[in-house]
Amino acid sequence: MNGLVIKNTGSWYTVRTDEGSNVECKIKGSFRLKGIRSTNPVAVGDRVTIVRNAEGTAFITDIEDRKNYIIRKSSNLSKQSHIIASNVDQAFLVVTVNYPQTSTTFIDRFLASAEAYRVPVVLLFNKTDILLPEDLEYQALMIHLYETVGYKCLSVSAFDENIAVTLQPLLKDKITLFSGNSGVGKSTLLNTLMPGLNLRTAEISEAHNTGMHTTTFSEMLPLPYGGWVIDTPGIKGFGTFDMEPEEICGYFKEIFKFSKDCRFRNCTHTHEPGCAVRKAVEDHYIAESRYNSYLSMLEDKGESKYRQAY
């Protein structure tokens, strides 16, 4: 029997079979012996084969090849990865310039990982209804930056009932991953998009201006007009995984563009003479925040928090 993994609670997986029924499944232990360096060898969005044993318990026995996935370093196990979702058509990254603030480093790491697996990303700048004038000014600068790089950006409020009208053309008949830091309003946004969904939400911590986890597992939710959204737990950090230093430049669109004019073909854009990338940063053709994000990803291999998997 074949189907689609629509929910992962850590130990159990809900599979929507091709016949239209939902089956609760476990993983065959052999999955953990195949060299998959992942905390979740089966991910939401996977196409799988399931079988039942004599006692009636269903097991996932095989995974179809994935067309893509969004992956990050496991926050607790530095030698392993965590697959956020697989086989997606696009990702919506929900960010906030305040309440809480999403760092440009987090945004850039997410975007680079999506570029690595050719997943288009739309940036949703949420909570515009509660931002102060200086916050709105900063948001406008952020939107200008990422639109200039080549990413679609939308300024939204999760409490705007018309948001479904805005997003429906982008979501219809597609599988869309929703991701972001804890507290950016992702669950509230999905509740507005799909009335009756009633996902849990929570206020951010006023003392630290940080979000609190309300979504504890990943789940695919069917849209009434066709397509799916994948709700995922909030992410605090985004460690890159399985990226060689020489590849990272290619995941920053504007850095890659200028790198073609560097004097040396193997330029790392950190210290070499005749580096067109560093010259572009000095001349403000490349945003300093984006360049710093690039440098931070180069350093991942040496950080104890994000050690190279082996």
Protein backbone atom coordinates (compact mmCIF):
# COMPACT_ATOMS: atom_id res chain seq x y z
CA MET A 1 0.00 0.00 0.00
CA ASN A 2 1.36 3.44 -0.94
CA GLY A 3 0.65 6.86 0.49
CA LEU A 4 1.80 10.28 1.63
CA VAL A 5 3.23 11.06 5.09
CA ILE A 6 1.05 13.89 6.38
CA LYS A 7 2.02 13.94 10.07
CA ASN A 8 5.09 13.12 12.15
CA THR A 9 4.88 13.12 15.94
CA GLY A 10 8.36 11.69 16.44
CA SER A 11 7.43 8.07 17.03
CA TRP A 12 4.31 7.69 14.89
CA TYR A 13 3.58 8.74 11.33
CA THR A 14 0.17 9.36 9.77
CA VAL A 15 0.06 8.19 6.15
CA ARG A 16 -2.74 9.27 3.80
CA THR A 17 -3.07 6.26 1.52
CA ASP A 18 -3.75 6.56 -2.17
CA GLU A 19 -7.19 5.15 -1.39
CA GLY A 20 -7.89 8.15 0.85
CA SER A 21 -7.68 6.64 4.35
CA ASN A 22 -5.33 7.70 7.17
CA VAL A 23 -3.13 4.99 8.67
CA GLU A 24 -0.98 5.36 11.81
CA CYS A 25 2.43 3.82 11.12
CA LYS A 26 5.75 3.08 12.76
CA ILE A 27 9.18 2.85 11.12
CA LYS A 28 10.91 -0.41 10.43
CA GLY A 29 14.09 -0.43 12.48
CA SER A 30 16.19 -1.05 9.38
CA PHE A 31 15.69 2.61 8.37
CA ARG A 32 18.08 3.59 11.13
CA LEU A 33 20.75 1.28 9.69
CA LYS A 34 20.89 2.69 6.17
CA GLY A 35 23.38 5.43 6.92
CA ILE A 36 20.76 8.20 6.91
CA ARG A 37 22.30 10.77 9.22
CA SER A 38 18.97 12.22 10.20
CA THR A 39 16.95 12.47 13.38
CA ASN A 40 13.89 11.75 11.23
CA PRO A 41 14.64 9.35 8.38
CA VAL A 42 11.00 9.68 7.31
CA ALA A 43 9.70 13.22 6.83
CA VAL A 44 6.36 14.88 6.22
CA GLY A 45 5.85 15.03 2.47
CA ASP A 46 7.49 11.66 1.79
CA ARG A 47 5.82 9.17 -0.51
CA VAL A 48 6.09 5.79 1.22
CA THR A 49 5.13 2.12 1.08
CA ILE A 50 3.44 0.60 4.14
CA VAL A 51 2.63 -2.98 5.19
CA ARG A 52 0.76 -4.43 8.15
CA ASN A 53 2.14 -7.25 10.27
CA ALA A 54 0.16 -10.18 11.66
CA GLU A 55 -0.91 -8.09 14.68
CA GLY A 56 -2.30 -5.37 12.42
CA THR A 57 0.40 -2.74 13.14
CA ALA A 58 1.36 -0.74 10.04
CA PHE A 59 5.02 -0.15 9.22
CA ILE A 60 6.70 2.12 6.69
CA THR A 61 8.97 -0.14 4.66
CA ASP A 62 10.17 2.06 1.80
CA ILE A 63 10.51 5.72 0.81
CA GLU A 64 10.26 6.93 -2.78
CA ASP A 65 13.07 9.14 -4.06
CA ARG A 66 12.54 12.74 -2.95
CA LYS A 67 12.46 15.52 -5.52
CA ASN A 68 13.76 17.94 -2.86
CA TYR A 69 13.71 18.72 0.84
CA ILE A 70 14.52 21.45 3.33
CA ILE A 71 17.18 20.28 5.76
CA ARG A 72 19.09 21.77 8.68
CA LYS A 73 21.55 20.65 11.32
CA SER A 74 19.90 18.96 14.26
CA SER A 75 20.02 21.46 17.13
CA ASN A 76 20.92 18.80 19.70
CA LEU A 77 22.84 16.22 17.69
CA SER A 78 25.56 17.97 15.74
CA LYS A 79 26.43 14.90 13.66
CA GLN A 80 22.91 14.56 12.33
CA SER A 81 20.49 16.50 10.20
CA HIS A 82 16.81 17.21 10.57
CA ILE A 83 14.64 17.12 7.46
CA ILE A 84 11.93 19.76 7.91
CA ALA A 85 9.82 18.58 4.96
CA SER A 86 10.22 16.90 1.59
CA ASN A 87 8.75 17.10 -1.92
CA VAL A 88 7.61 20.71 -1.57
CA ASP A 89 6.75 23.09 -4.40
CA GLN A 90 7.68 26.19 -2.41
CA ALA A 91 8.38 27.51 1.07
CA PHE A 92 6.85 30.50 2.85
CA LEU A 93 9.26 31.85 5.45
CA VAL A 94 7.33 33.89 8.02
CA VAL A 95 9.52 36.62 9.51
CA THR A 96 8.98 39.56 11.85
CA VAL A 97 11.13 42.64 12.24
CA ASN A 98 9.94 42.89 15.87
CA TYR A 99 7.88 40.92 18.40
CA PRO A 100 10.20 38.95 18.02
CA GLN A 101 12.92 40.08 15.64
CA THR A 102 13.98 37.61 12.96
CA SER A 103 17.70 37.96 12.30
CA THR A 104 18.99 38.40 8.77
CA THR A 105 21.42 35.55 9.46
CA PHE A 106 18.51 33.17 10.05
CA ILE A 107 16.72 34.37 6.91
CA ASP A 108 19.85 34.04 4.78
CA ARG A 109 20.66 30.55 6.06
CA PHE A 110 17.13 29.39 5.29
CA LEU A 111 17.25 30.94 1.83
CA ALA A 112 20.63 29.38 1.07
CA SER A 113 19.42 25.93 2.13
CA ALA A 114 16.34 26.34 -0.04
CA GLU A 115 18.51 27.41 -2.99
CA ALA A 116 20.63 24.27 -2.51
CA TYR A 117 17.56 22.11 -3.16
CA ARG A 118 15.90 24.46 -5.66
CA VAL A 119 12.94 25.28 -3.44
CA PRO A 120 11.41 28.71 -4.28
CA VAL A 121 10.86 30.89 -1.19
CA VAL A 122 8.37 33.68 -0.49
CA LEU A 123 9.12 35.91 2.52
CA LEU A 124 6.04 36.83 4.55
CA PHE A 125 6.72 39.85 6.76
CA ASN A 126 4.10 39.38 9.47
CA LYS A 127 2.67 41.53 12.30
CA THR A 128 2.68 44.74 10.26
CA ASP A 129 -0.46 45.81 12.14
CA ILE A 130 1.43 46.23 15.44
CA LEU A 131 4.72 47.68 14.22
CA LEU A 132 5.91 51.12 15.27
CA PRO A 133 6.88 53.65 12.56
CA GLU A 134 10.59 52.89 12.98
CA ASP A 135 9.84 49.15 12.68
CA LEU A 136 7.88 49.74 9.49
CA GLU A 137 10.78 51.75 8.09
CA TYR A 138 13.19 48.91 8.87
CA GLN A 139 10.78 46.39 7.34
CA ALA A 140 10.63 48.42 4.14
CA LEU A 141 14.43 48.32 3.96
CA MET A 142 14.41 44.55 4.50
CA ILE A 143 11.80 44.03 1.80
CA HIS A 144 13.78 46.21 -0.60
CA LEU A 145 16.92 44.18 0.13
CA TYR A 146 15.37 40.78 -0.51
CA GLU A 147 13.31 41.88 -3.50
CA THR A 148 16.50 43.30 -5.03
CA VAL A 149 18.18 39.92 -4.50
CA GLY A 150 15.26 38.27 -6.28
CA TYR A 151 12.84 36.99 -3.61
CA LYS A 152 9.11 37.69 -3.53
CA CYS A 153 8.17 39.53 -0.31
CA LEU A 154 4.74 40.21 1.13
CA SER A 155 3.80 42.47 4.04
CA VAL A 156 0.96 40.79 5.95
CA SER A 157 -1.01 40.65 9.19
CA ALA A 158 -2.12 37.26 10.46
CA PHE A 159 -5.34 38.85 11.73
CA ASP A 160 -6.30 40.28 8.34
CA GLU A 161 -9.28 38.24 7.14
CA ASN A 162 -8.46 39.18 3.55
CA ILE A 163 -5.10 37.45 3.71
CA ALA A 164 -6.59 34.32 2.18
CA VAL A 165 -7.48 36.37 -0.92
CA THR A 166 -3.86 37.54 -1.15
CA LEU A 167 -2.25 34.14 -0.64
CA GLN A 168 -4.74 31.79 -2.32
CA PRO A 169 -3.37 32.28 -5.88
CA LEU A 170 0.13 31.43 -4.58
CA LEU A 171 -0.98 28.38 -2.56
CA LYS A 172 -3.59 26.78 -4.86
CA ASP A 173 -2.69 23.23 -5.96
CA LYS A 174 0.82 23.46 -4.48
CA ILE A 175 2.58 21.89 -1.50
CA THR A 176 3.85 24.82 0.58
CA LEU A 177 6.08 24.61 3.62
CA PHE A 178 5.42 27.27 6.29
CA SER A 179 8.45 27.90 8.48
CA GLY A 180 9.93 30.56 10.74
CA ASN A 181 11.19 31.36 14.22
CA SER A 182 9.01 30.60 17.21
CA GLY A 183 6.54 33.41 17.87
CA VAL A 184 6.38 34.97 14.40
CA GLY A 185 2.66 34.15 14.12
CA LYS A 186 2.81 31.18 11.80
CA SER A 187 0.00 29.26 13.54
CA THR A 188 -2.19 32.38 13.74
CA LEU A 189 -1.59 32.96 10.05
CA LEU A 190 -2.66 29.41 9.18
CA ASN A 191 -5.75 29.73 11.42
CA THR A 192 -6.78 32.82 9.44
CA LEU A 193 -6.10 31.09 6.13
CA MET A 194 -8.16 28.06 7.15
CA PRO A 195 -11.03 29.01 9.49
CA GLY A 196 -11.86 26.16 11.85
CA LEU A 197 -8.29 24.87 11.95
CA ASN A 198 -7.77 26.08 15.55
CA LEU A 199 -4.01 25.56 15.81
CA ARG A 200 -2.63 26.42 19.24
CA THR A 201 -1.10 29.88 19.58
CA ALA A 202 0.75 31.65 22.39
CA GLU A 203 1.88 35.14 23.30
CA ILE A 204 5.56 35.93 22.91
CA SER A 205 7.69 36.36 26.03
CA GLU A 206 7.66 40.08 26.83
CA ALA A 207 10.77 39.76 28.98
CA HIS A 208 12.92 38.46 26.13
CA ASN A 209 10.83 39.36 23.06
CA THR A 210 11.13 35.74 21.94
CA GLY A 211 8.59 33.26 20.73
CA MET A 212 7.38 30.10 22.44
CA HIS A 213 6.78 26.83 20.64
CA THR A 214 3.12 26.00 20.07
CA THR A 215 3.47 23.59 17.15
CA THR A 216 5.24 20.47 18.41
CA PHE A 217 5.22 18.32 15.28
CA SER A 218 5.09 18.69 11.51
CA GLU A 219 1.78 18.20 9.71
CA MET A 220 0.37 18.57 6.20
CA LEU A 221 -2.96 20.39 6.11
CA PRO A 222 -5.21 20.19 3.02
CA LEU A 223 -6.36 23.47 1.55
CA PRO A 224 -10.06 23.72 0.61
CA TYR A 225 -9.17 25.04 -2.86
CA GLY A 226 -6.50 22.42 -3.62
CA GLY A 227 -2.96 21.92 -2.38
CA TRP A 228 -1.41 21.46 1.02
CA VAL A 229 0.40 23.57 3.60
CA ILE A 230 2.98 22.01 5.90
CA ASP A 231 2.93 23.42 9.42
CA THR A 232 6.24 22.96 11.25
CA PRO A 233 7.55 23.71 14.76
CA GLY A 234 9.23 27.08 15.16
CA ILE A 235 12.97 27.07 14.56
CA LYS A 236 15.37 28.94 16.85
CA GLY A 237 18.51 28.43 14.79
CA PHE A 238 19.36 27.20 11.33
CA GLY A 239 22.61 25.28 11.01
CA THR A 240 23.53 24.42 7.45
CA PHE A 241 24.20 20.80 6.60
CA ASP A 242 26.33 18.97 4.02
CA MET A 243 27.48 22.16 2.28
CA GLU A 244 31.08 22.39 1.13
CA PRO A 245 32.64 25.87 1.49
CA GLU A 246 33.12 26.22 -2.27
CA GLU A 247 29.41 25.53 -2.85
CA ILE A 248 28.00 28.15 -0.49
CA CYS A 249 28.70 31.10 -2.78
CA GLY A 250 26.32 29.58 -5.33
CA TYR A 251 23.42 29.73 -2.85
CA PHE A 252 23.66 33.52 -2.52
CA LYS A 253 22.35 34.82 -5.84
CA GLU A 254 24.06 38.20 -5.84
CA ILE A 255 27.37 36.90 -4.46
CA PHE A 256 27.47 34.22 -7.15
CA LYS A 257 26.81 36.85 -9.81
CA PHE A 258 29.80 38.99 -8.79
CA SER A 259 32.05 35.99 -8.10
CA LYS A 260 32.40 35.39 -11.84
CA ASP A 261 34.57 38.52 -12.02
CA CYS A 262 37.01 37.48 -9.27
CA ARG A 263 40.69 37.27 -10.26
CA PHE A 264 41.04 33.72 -8.94
CA ARG A 265 38.69 30.95 -9.95
CA ASN A 266 38.81 29.35 -6.48
CA CYS A 267 38.33 32.66 -4.63
CA THR A 268 36.70 32.24 -1.21
CA HIS A 269 35.77 35.96 -1.12
CA THR A 270 37.40 36.37 2.27
CA HIS A 271 40.92 37.72 1.70
CA GLU A 272 42.10 37.16 -1.87
CA PRO A 273 43.35 40.08 -3.99
CA GLY A 274 41.17 40.97 -6.95
CA CYS A 275 38.00 39.70 -5.25
CA ALA A 276 34.99 41.15 -7.07
CA VAL A 277 32.64 40.11 -4.27
CA ARG A 278 34.42 42.09 -1.55
CA LYS A 279 34.63 45.05 -3.92
CA ALA A 280 30.85 44.78 -4.50
CA VAL A 281 30.28 44.80 -0.72
CA GLU A 282 32.44 47.93 -0.39
CA ASP A 283 30.51 49.58 -3.21
CA HIS A 284 27.15 48.54 -1.63
CA TYR A 285 26.09 46.32 -4.52
CA ILE A 286 25.99 43.43 -2.04
CA ALA A 287 24.41 44.05 1.36
CA GLU A 288 26.87 43.72 4.24
CA SER A 289 24.34 41.62 6.17
CA ARG A 290 24.18 39.10 3.32
CA TYR A 291 27.96 38.95 3.04
CA ASN A 292 28.26 38.41 6.81
CA SER A 293 25.73 35.58 6.57
CA TYR A 294 27.86 34.02 3.83
CA LEU A 295 30.94 34.28 6.07
CA SER A 296 29.10 32.73 9.01
CA MET A 297 28.15 29.73 6.86
CA LEU A 298 31.78 29.28 5.82
CA GLU A 299 32.64 29.07 9.52
CA ASP A 300 30.02 26.39 10.28
CA LYS A 301 32.51 23.59 9.77
CA GLY A 302 34.60 24.82 12.66
CA GLU A 303 31.83 25.46 15.16
CA SER A 304 31.22 22.90 17.87
CA LYS A 305 27.48 23.57 17.64
CA TYR A 306 27.37 22.74 13.95
CA ARG A 307 30.16 20.22 13.49
CA GLN A 308 30.48 18.49 10.17
CA ALA A 309 28.56 15.23 10.06
CA TYR A 310 30.68 12.13 9.56
